[in-house]
Amino acid sequence: MVQIKFNTLARHIYEEERKYPDATGELSDLLHDLSLAAKVISLEVNKAGLVDILGFTGDQNVHGEQVKKLDIYANDMMIKAMDHGGHLCVMASEEDEDIIHIPPEFHIGKYVLLFDPLDGSSNIDANVSIGTIFSIYRRVSPGNGPGTMEDCTQQGLKQIAAGYVIYGSSTLFVYTAGNGVHGFTLDPSFGEFILSHPSIKIPKKSKIYSINEGNYLYWHSGLKKYIKWLQEEDKSTGRPYSSRYIGSMVADIHRNLLYGGIFMYPADSRNPNGKLRLMYECNPMAFIVEQAGGRASNGKQRILEIQPKSLHQRTPIFIGSEEDVLLVEKFLSDYEMIEVK
């Protein structure tokens, strides 16, 4: 058994900070605030079946989807935990149509926070793992005043930190600040995140694929061929692959990050721009997976290089083990050329 050094999230963040002589400690404080929000949300998620917090509110979010009570709670908690620390100039949430300004009575900082407060929330009632995803940028707008839309629509490659919290059989906080990916498990007995997954590396190739095959009819012909290829038996290439689809992006990618695999949410004839949000889901997850040695693309372009045109932009995504993502890109490209001819 590999012995892991006993380390808390707070201690780990500060130890990483010491590697950079010009570090101010602000990013460390920001990550600490996020871990506090995660603990409070985790507490509510864990008792969701026992209190009157389940079910729909009757409202719709900006995407036309029904909003669940726990979604609203997680969104409010993230905002309340982060708006007064003095480190942020602006925030944006998947649940809010516009950017979220820092109240004028609080200090305006130099960082930008984007987040999905509760990814996979359609699975809440079924007690399936769900999570919070976050992404941190430096402001690019001039001056020291409130942040702008420009600050919130930067390319993913400009992220300085990203992470997710998964609420499952245990609560895990996984993050990167551009120097590897590290995971911390919440010890409920004394309320601290403890280092449990240091320096996560995703295998270069896998035998697992994750996709909603109920949408097969509407897919690109190259993707259809790729899925059928994965299901064929061929020992020399390690096929067939196993299908594992939870329906909660954060849970599917967390599993693949640990064991290898490819997660796909493609465009189709009904959703030509895909369904997942670039800023709140795809960019942070792409940053994390790349830091772990994986790959993330929309089928043609690296996710982190996409220039956002709007706050709630959607994109197809293929993310996970590098060789698997490269292969699906080849299938898509080859069959697109055939169709063009």
Protein backbone atom coordinates (compact mmCIF):
# COMPACT_ATOMS: atom_id res chain seq x y z
CA MET A 1 0.00 0.00 0.00
CA VAL A 2 1.33 3.44 -0.99
CA GLN A 3 1.82 5.69 2.03
CA ILE A 4 0.35 9.17 1.45
CA LYS A 5 1.64 12.07 3.52
CA PHE A 6 -1.00 13.38 5.90
CA ASN A 7 -1.86 16.80 4.54
CA THR A 8 -4.89 19.06 4.59
CA LEU A 9 -6.14 21.06 1.63
CA ALA A 10 -5.24 24.35 3.33
CA ARG A 11 -1.70 23.20 4.13
CA HIS A 12 -1.22 21.81 0.62
CA ILE A 13 -2.36 25.08 -0.99
CA TYR A 14 0.05 27.12 1.12
CA GLU A 15 2.91 24.69 0.48
CA GLU A 16 2.32 25.04 -3.25
CA GLU A 17 2.23 28.81 -2.88
CA ARG A 18 5.71 28.87 -1.30
CA LYS A 19 7.16 27.54 -4.57
CA TYR A 20 6.46 30.94 -6.13
CA PRO A 21 8.39 33.82 -4.49
CA ASP A 22 6.08 36.48 -5.93
CA ALA A 23 2.87 34.81 -4.69
CA THR A 24 0.62 37.11 -2.66
CA GLY A 25 -1.53 34.47 -0.97
CA GLU A 26 -4.74 35.78 -2.54
CA LEU A 27 -5.31 32.73 -4.73
CA SER A 28 -4.72 30.49 -1.70
CA ASP A 29 -7.34 32.42 0.25
CA LEU A 30 -9.74 32.18 -2.68
CA LEU A 31 -9.36 28.40 -2.87
CA HIS A 32 -9.85 28.20 0.89
CA ASP A 33 -13.14 30.12 0.57
CA LEU A 34 -14.25 27.68 -2.14
CA SER A 35 -13.52 24.73 0.15
CA LEU A 36 -15.71 26.31 2.83
CA ALA A 37 -18.59 26.67 0.38
CA ALA A 38 -18.07 23.04 -0.65
CA LYS A 39 -18.36 21.85 2.95
CA VAL A 40 -21.66 23.66 3.47
CA ILE A 41 -23.11 22.42 0.17
CA SER A 42 -21.93 18.90 0.98
CA LEU A 43 -23.79 18.99 4.27
CA GLU A 44 -27.05 19.90 2.54
CA VAL A 45 -26.56 17.36 -0.24
CA ASN A 46 -25.98 14.59 2.30
CA LYS A 47 -29.28 15.28 4.05
CA ALA A 48 -31.26 16.12 0.93
CA GLY A 49 -33.46 13.06 1.33
CA LEU A 50 -34.34 13.96 4.91
CA VAL A 51 -35.44 17.57 4.60
CA ASP A 52 -37.80 19.49 2.38
CA ILE A 53 -35.18 20.44 -0.16
CA LEU A 54 -35.93 18.12 -3.07
CA GLY A 55 -38.24 18.73 -5.98
CA PHE A 56 -38.71 21.52 -8.47
CA THR A 57 -39.21 25.18 -7.62
CA GLY A 58 -41.47 25.73 -10.61
CA ASP A 59 -38.98 28.20 -12.10
CA GLN A 60 -36.69 27.87 -15.11
CA ASN A 61 -33.05 28.89 -15.44
CA VAL A 62 -31.54 30.80 -18.36
CA HIS A 63 -31.29 27.55 -20.36
CA GLY A 64 -35.02 26.80 -20.09
CA GLU A 65 -34.46 23.95 -17.65
CA GLN A 66 -36.46 23.41 -14.47
CA VAL A 67 -34.57 24.56 -11.38
CA LYS A 68 -34.42 22.36 -8.33
CA LYS A 69 -34.37 23.73 -4.81
CA LEU A 70 -30.91 22.34 -4.11
CA ASP A 71 -29.63 24.08 -7.26
CA ILE A 72 -30.74 27.42 -5.86
CA TYR A 73 -29.28 26.67 -2.44
CA ALA A 74 -25.89 25.71 -3.92
CA ASN A 75 -25.88 28.78 -6.17
CA ASP A 76 -26.72 31.13 -3.29
CA MET A 77 -24.13 29.50 -1.05
CA MET A 78 -21.38 29.90 -3.63
CA ILE A 79 -22.20 33.58 -4.06
CA LYS A 80 -22.43 34.28 -0.32
CA ALA A 81 -19.19 32.45 0.41
CA MET A 82 -17.24 34.22 -2.32
CA ASP A 83 -18.53 37.78 -2.75
CA HIS A 84 -17.03 39.40 0.37
CA GLY A 85 -13.50 37.97 0.50
CA GLY A 86 -11.97 40.87 -1.39
CA HIS A 87 -10.34 38.66 -4.01
CA LEU A 88 -12.94 38.78 -6.81
CA CYS A 89 -13.97 41.50 -9.23
CA VAL A 90 -16.86 39.55 -10.75
CA MET A 91 -18.50 36.11 -10.83
CA ALA A 92 -20.67 34.18 -13.27
CA SER A 93 -22.85 31.14 -12.61
CA GLU A 94 -24.52 28.65 -14.89
CA GLU A 95 -27.74 29.45 -13.04
CA ASP A 96 -27.63 33.22 -13.65
CA GLU A 97 -28.28 34.89 -16.98
CA ASP A 98 -25.91 37.81 -16.44
CA ILE A 99 -22.59 38.28 -14.65
CA ILE A 100 -22.70 38.61 -10.84
CA HIS A 101 -21.24 41.85 -9.58
CA ILE A 102 -19.46 42.11 -6.24
CA PRO A 103 -21.56 44.27 -3.85
CA PRO A 104 -20.17 47.84 -3.72
CA GLU A 105 -19.59 47.67 0.03
CA PHE A 106 -16.96 44.93 -0.48
CA HIS A 107 -13.41 45.27 -1.76
CA ILE A 108 -12.94 44.57 -5.48
CA GLY A 109 -10.14 42.08 -6.19
CA LYS A 110 -8.21 40.92 -9.24
CA TYR A 111 -9.72 37.47 -9.82
CA VAL A 112 -12.73 36.16 -11.72
CA LEU A 113 -14.78 33.14 -10.64
CA LEU A 114 -17.04 31.09 -12.90
CA PHE A 115 -18.95 28.11 -11.53
CA ASP A 116 -21.60 25.47 -12.03
CA PRO A 117 -23.05 25.23 -8.53
CA LEU A 118 -24.53 21.75 -8.90
CA ASP A 119 -23.61 19.71 -11.97
CA GLY A 120 -25.77 16.64 -12.58
CA SER A 121 -28.59 17.95 -10.42
CA SER A 122 -31.18 15.99 -12.42
CA ASN A 123 -29.80 12.97 -10.52
CA ILE A 124 -30.43 14.39 -7.04
CA ASP A 125 -33.62 12.45 -6.40
CA ALA A 126 -31.92 9.18 -7.43
CA ASN A 127 -29.02 9.70 -4.97
CA VAL A 128 -26.45 9.69 -7.78
CA SER A 129 -23.16 11.59 -7.38
CA ILE A 130 -23.33 15.27 -8.30
CA GLY A 131 -20.80 18.07 -8.02
CA THR A 132 -19.71 21.70 -8.07
CA ILE A 133 -17.33 22.88 -10.82
CA PHE A 134 -15.31 26.09 -10.67
CA SER A 135 -12.86 28.08 -12.75
CA ILE A 136 -10.61 31.02 -11.80
CA TYR A 137 -9.11 33.69 -14.08
CA ARG A 138 -7.23 36.96 -13.58
CA ARG A 139 -9.20 40.03 -14.57
CA VAL A 140 -8.31 41.56 -17.94
CA SER A 141 -10.46 44.69 -17.79
CA PRO A 142 -8.55 47.88 -16.89
CA GLY A 143 -8.83 49.66 -13.58
CA ASN A 144 -9.85 48.57 -10.11
CA GLY A 145 -13.61 48.85 -10.52
CA PRO A 146 -16.23 46.14 -11.01
CA GLY A 147 -15.41 43.30 -13.38
CA THR A 148 -16.97 43.07 -16.82
CA MET A 149 -18.28 40.56 -19.34
CA GLU A 150 -14.82 40.65 -20.93
CA ASP A 151 -13.36 39.23 -17.72
CA CYS A 152 -15.83 36.33 -17.80
CA THR A 153 -15.43 35.34 -21.43
CA GLN A 154 -11.73 34.55 -21.63
CA GLN A 155 -10.24 31.53 -23.37
CA GLY A 156 -9.90 28.52 -21.13
CA LEU A 157 -6.14 28.47 -21.55
CA LYS A 158 -6.05 31.65 -19.45
CA GLN A 159 -7.38 29.86 -16.37
CA ILE A 160 -5.05 30.02 -13.39
CA ALA A 161 -6.95 27.42 -11.35
CA ALA A 162 -9.90 25.10 -11.74
CA GLY A 163 -11.49 22.29 -9.82
CA TYR A 164 -14.57 20.38 -8.85
CA VAL A 165 -16.15 18.97 -5.73
CA ILE A 166 -17.92 15.64 -6.08
CA TYR A 167 -20.61 14.72 -3.56
CA GLY A 168 -20.87 10.95 -3.50
CA SER A 169 -20.08 8.16 -1.04
CA SER A 170 -17.54 10.71 0.20
CA THR A 171 -16.96 14.34 -0.69
CA LEU A 172 -13.83 15.02 -2.77
CA PHE A 173 -12.26 18.37 -3.64
CA VAL A 174 -10.11 18.08 -6.77
CA TYR A 175 -8.17 21.06 -8.08
CA THR A 176 -5.28 22.27 -10.19
CA ALA A 177 -3.44 25.56 -10.12
CA GLY A 178 -1.35 24.67 -13.16
CA ASN A 179 1.03 22.36 -11.30
CA GLY A 180 -0.66 18.97 -11.42
CA VAL A 181 -4.00 17.71 -10.13
CA HIS A 182 -4.61 16.81 -6.50
CA GLY A 183 -7.64 15.34 -4.73
CA PHE A 184 -8.75 15.75 -1.11
CA THR A 185 -11.40 13.75 0.73
CA LEU A 186 -13.55 15.46 3.34
CA ASP A 187 -13.21 13.85 6.77
CA PRO A 188 -16.63 14.56 8.33
CA SER A 189 -15.37 13.83 11.84
CA PHE A 190 -13.39 17.05 12.01
CA GLY A 191 -14.44 18.86 8.85
CA GLU A 192 -11.15 18.96 6.94
CA PHE A 193 -10.27 18.00 3.38
CA ILE A 194 -7.38 15.48 3.61
CA LEU A 195 -5.00 14.73 0.73
CA SER A 196 -6.08 11.35 -0.66
CA HIS A 197 -5.18 11.53 -4.36
CA PRO A 198 -1.82 13.31 -4.88
CA SER A 199 -0.59 14.11 -8.39
CA ILE A 200 -3.39 12.39 -10.32
CA LYS A 201 -2.37 11.10 -13.74
CA ILE A 202 -4.93 9.82 -16.23
CA PRO A 203 -3.85 6.74 -18.21
CA LYS A 204 -2.90 7.50 -21.83
CA LYS A 205 -5.31 4.84 -23.11
CA SER A 206 -8.37 3.23 -21.61
CA LYS A 207 -11.05 0.60 -22.06
CA ILE A 208 -13.98 2.76 -20.89
CA TYR A 209 -16.22 5.12 -22.81
CA SER A 210 -18.98 7.36 -21.47
CA ILE A 211 -21.73 8.70 -23.73
CA ASN A 212 -25.52 8.81 -23.83
CA GLU A 213 -26.15 6.18 -26.49
CA GLY A 214 -29.85 7.05 -26.51
CA ASN A 215 -28.89 9.88 -28.87
CA TYR A 216 -27.18 7.56 -31.37
CA LEU A 217 -29.72 8.25 -34.13
CA TYR A 218 -28.78 11.94 -34.22
CA TRP A 219 -24.98 11.62 -34.22
CA HIS A 220 -22.34 12.42 -36.83
CA SER A 221 -21.61 9.32 -38.95
CA GLY A 222 -17.97 9.33 -37.82
CA LEU A 223 -19.02 9.14 -34.17
CA LYS A 224 -21.43 6.30 -34.92
CA LYS A 225 -18.59 4.39 -36.59
CA TYR A 226 -16.27 5.10 -33.63
CA ILE A 227 -18.76 3.73 -31.09
CA LYS A 228 -19.33 0.59 -33.15
CA TRP A 229 -15.54 0.21 -33.44
CA LEU A 230 -15.22 0.38 -29.63
CA GLN A 231 -17.81 -2.39 -29.30
CA GLU A 232 -16.07 -4.81 -31.67
CA GLU A 233 -13.88 -7.58 -30.31
CA ASP A 234 -10.18 -7.24 -31.07
CA LYS A 235 -7.63 -8.31 -28.46
CA SER A 236 -4.76 -6.51 -30.19
CA THR A 237 -6.40 -3.12 -29.56
CA GLY A 238 -7.98 -4.01 -26.22
CA ARG A 239 -11.53 -4.09 -27.53
CA PRO A 240 -14.38 -4.20 -26.78
CA TYR A 241 -14.48 -1.22 -24.44
CA SER A 242 -16.83 -1.06 -21.47
CA SER A 243 -19.63 1.49 -21.46
CA ARG A 244 -19.96 3.48 -18.23
CA TYR A 245 -22.34 6.44 -18.27
CA ILE A 246 -23.60 8.03 -15.05
CA GLY A 247 -25.23 11.09 -16.61
CA SER A 248 -23.42 13.46 -14.26
CA MET A 249 -20.42 15.00 -16.05
CA VAL A 250 -18.43 15.58 -12.88
CA ALA A 251 -18.90 11.96 -11.78
CA ASP A 252 -18.12 10.46 -15.20
CA ILE A 253 -14.96 12.52 -15.63
CA HIS A 254 -13.82 11.91 -12.05
CA ARG A 255 -13.98 8.14 -12.62
CA ASN A 256 -12.16 8.43 -15.94
CA LEU A 257 -9.53 10.69 -14.40
CA LEU A 258 -8.66 7.93 -11.92
CA TYR A 259 -9.04 4.84 -14.12
CA GLY A 260 -8.78 6.14 -17.67
CA GLY A 261 -11.59 6.63 -20.13
CA ILE A 262 -13.21 9.01 -22.58
CA PHE A 263 -16.29 11.11 -21.85
CA MET A 264 -18.22 12.39 -24.86
CA TYR A 265 -21.07 14.84 -25.16
CA PRO A 266 -21.15 15.50 -28.90
CA ALA A 267 -23.11 17.81 -31.12
CA ASP A 268 -25.98 16.14 -32.95
CA SER A 269 -28.63 17.03 -35.48
CA ARG A 270 -30.87 18.46 -32.75
CA ASN A 271 -28.10 20.29 -30.88
CA PRO A 272 -25.52 21.36 -33.49
CA ASN A 273 -23.55 23.35 -30.89
CA GLY A 274 -23.62 20.61 -28.26
CA LYS A 275 -25.30 20.97 -24.87
CA LEU A 276 -22.60 21.42 -22.24
CA ARG A 277 -21.48 24.93 -21.29
CA LEU A 278 -18.02 26.00 -22.32
CA MET A 279 -17.36 28.41 -19.46
CA TYR A 280 -18.81 26.47 -16.52
CA GLU A 281 -18.20 22.83 -17.37
CA CYS A 282 -15.94 22.23 -20.37
CA ASN A 283 -13.14 24.76 -19.75
CA PRO A 284 -12.48 23.85 -16.10
CA MET A 285 -12.71 20.12 -16.77
CA ALA A 286 -10.44 20.45 -19.81
CA PHE A 287 -7.83 22.32 -17.73
CA ILE A 288 -7.94 19.63 -15.04
CA VAL A 289 -7.72 16.71 -17.48
CA GLU A 290 -4.88 18.31 -19.44
CA GLN A 291 -2.98 18.92 -16.21
CA ALA A 292 -3.40 15.20 -15.48
CA GLY A 293 -1.96 14.27 -18.89
CA GLY A 294 -5.20 13.91 -20.82
CA ARG A 295 -6.80 15.70 -23.76
CA ALA A 296 -10.00 17.67 -24.38
CA SER A 297 -11.42 18.87 -27.69
CA ASN A 298 -14.67 19.70 -29.44
CA GLY A 299 -13.77 17.15 -32.10
CA LYS A 300 -11.78 19.65 -34.16
CA GLN A 301 -10.22 22.12 -31.76
CA ARG A 302 -8.66 22.08 -28.30
CA ILE A 303 -11.36 23.15 -25.81
CA LEU A 304 -9.04 25.58 -24.03
CA GLU A 305 -8.34 27.46 -27.29
CA ILE A 306 -11.97 28.23 -28.10
CA GLN A 307 -12.68 31.96 -27.92
CA PRO A 308 -16.03 32.39 -26.15
CA LYS A 309 -18.59 34.61 -27.86
CA SER A 310 -21.15 34.55 -25.06
CA LEU A 311 -21.39 33.81 -21.36
CA HIS A 312 -23.53 30.69 -21.74
CA GLN A 313 -21.98 29.32 -24.93
CA ARG A 314 -22.31 25.60 -25.52
CA THR A 315 -19.83 23.23 -27.12
CA PRO A 316 -19.41 19.56 -27.99
CA ILE A 317 -16.71 17.88 -25.90
CA PHE A 318 -14.52 14.78 -26.10
CA ILE A 319 -12.36 14.52 -23.00
CA GLY A 320 -10.22 11.97 -21.21
CA SER A 321 -7.34 9.64 -22.03
CA GLU A 322 -5.18 11.23 -24.71
CA GLU A 323 -5.03 8.33 -27.18
CA ASP A 324 -8.78 7.78 -27.02
CA VAL A 325 -9.57 11.44 -27.70
CA LEU A 326 -7.09 11.54 -30.59
CA LEU A 327 -8.75 8.47 -32.10
CA VAL A 328 -12.30 9.83 -31.97
CA GLU A 329 -11.02 13.06 -33.56
CA LYS A 330 -9.60 10.97 -36.42
CA PHE A 331 -12.91 9.15 -36.93
CA LEU A 332 -14.79 12.46 -37.02
CA SER A 333 -12.29 14.01 -39.43
CA ASP A 334 -12.11 11.00 -41.77
CA TYR A 335 -15.87 10.64 -42.08
CA GLU A 336 -16.39 14.36 -42.51
CA MET A 337 -14.04 14.24 -45.49
CA ILE A 338 -16.01 11.30 -46.94
CA GLU A 339 -19.30 13.18 -46.51
CA VAL A 340 -17.88 16.32 -48.12
CA LYS A 341 -16.73 14.30 -51.15
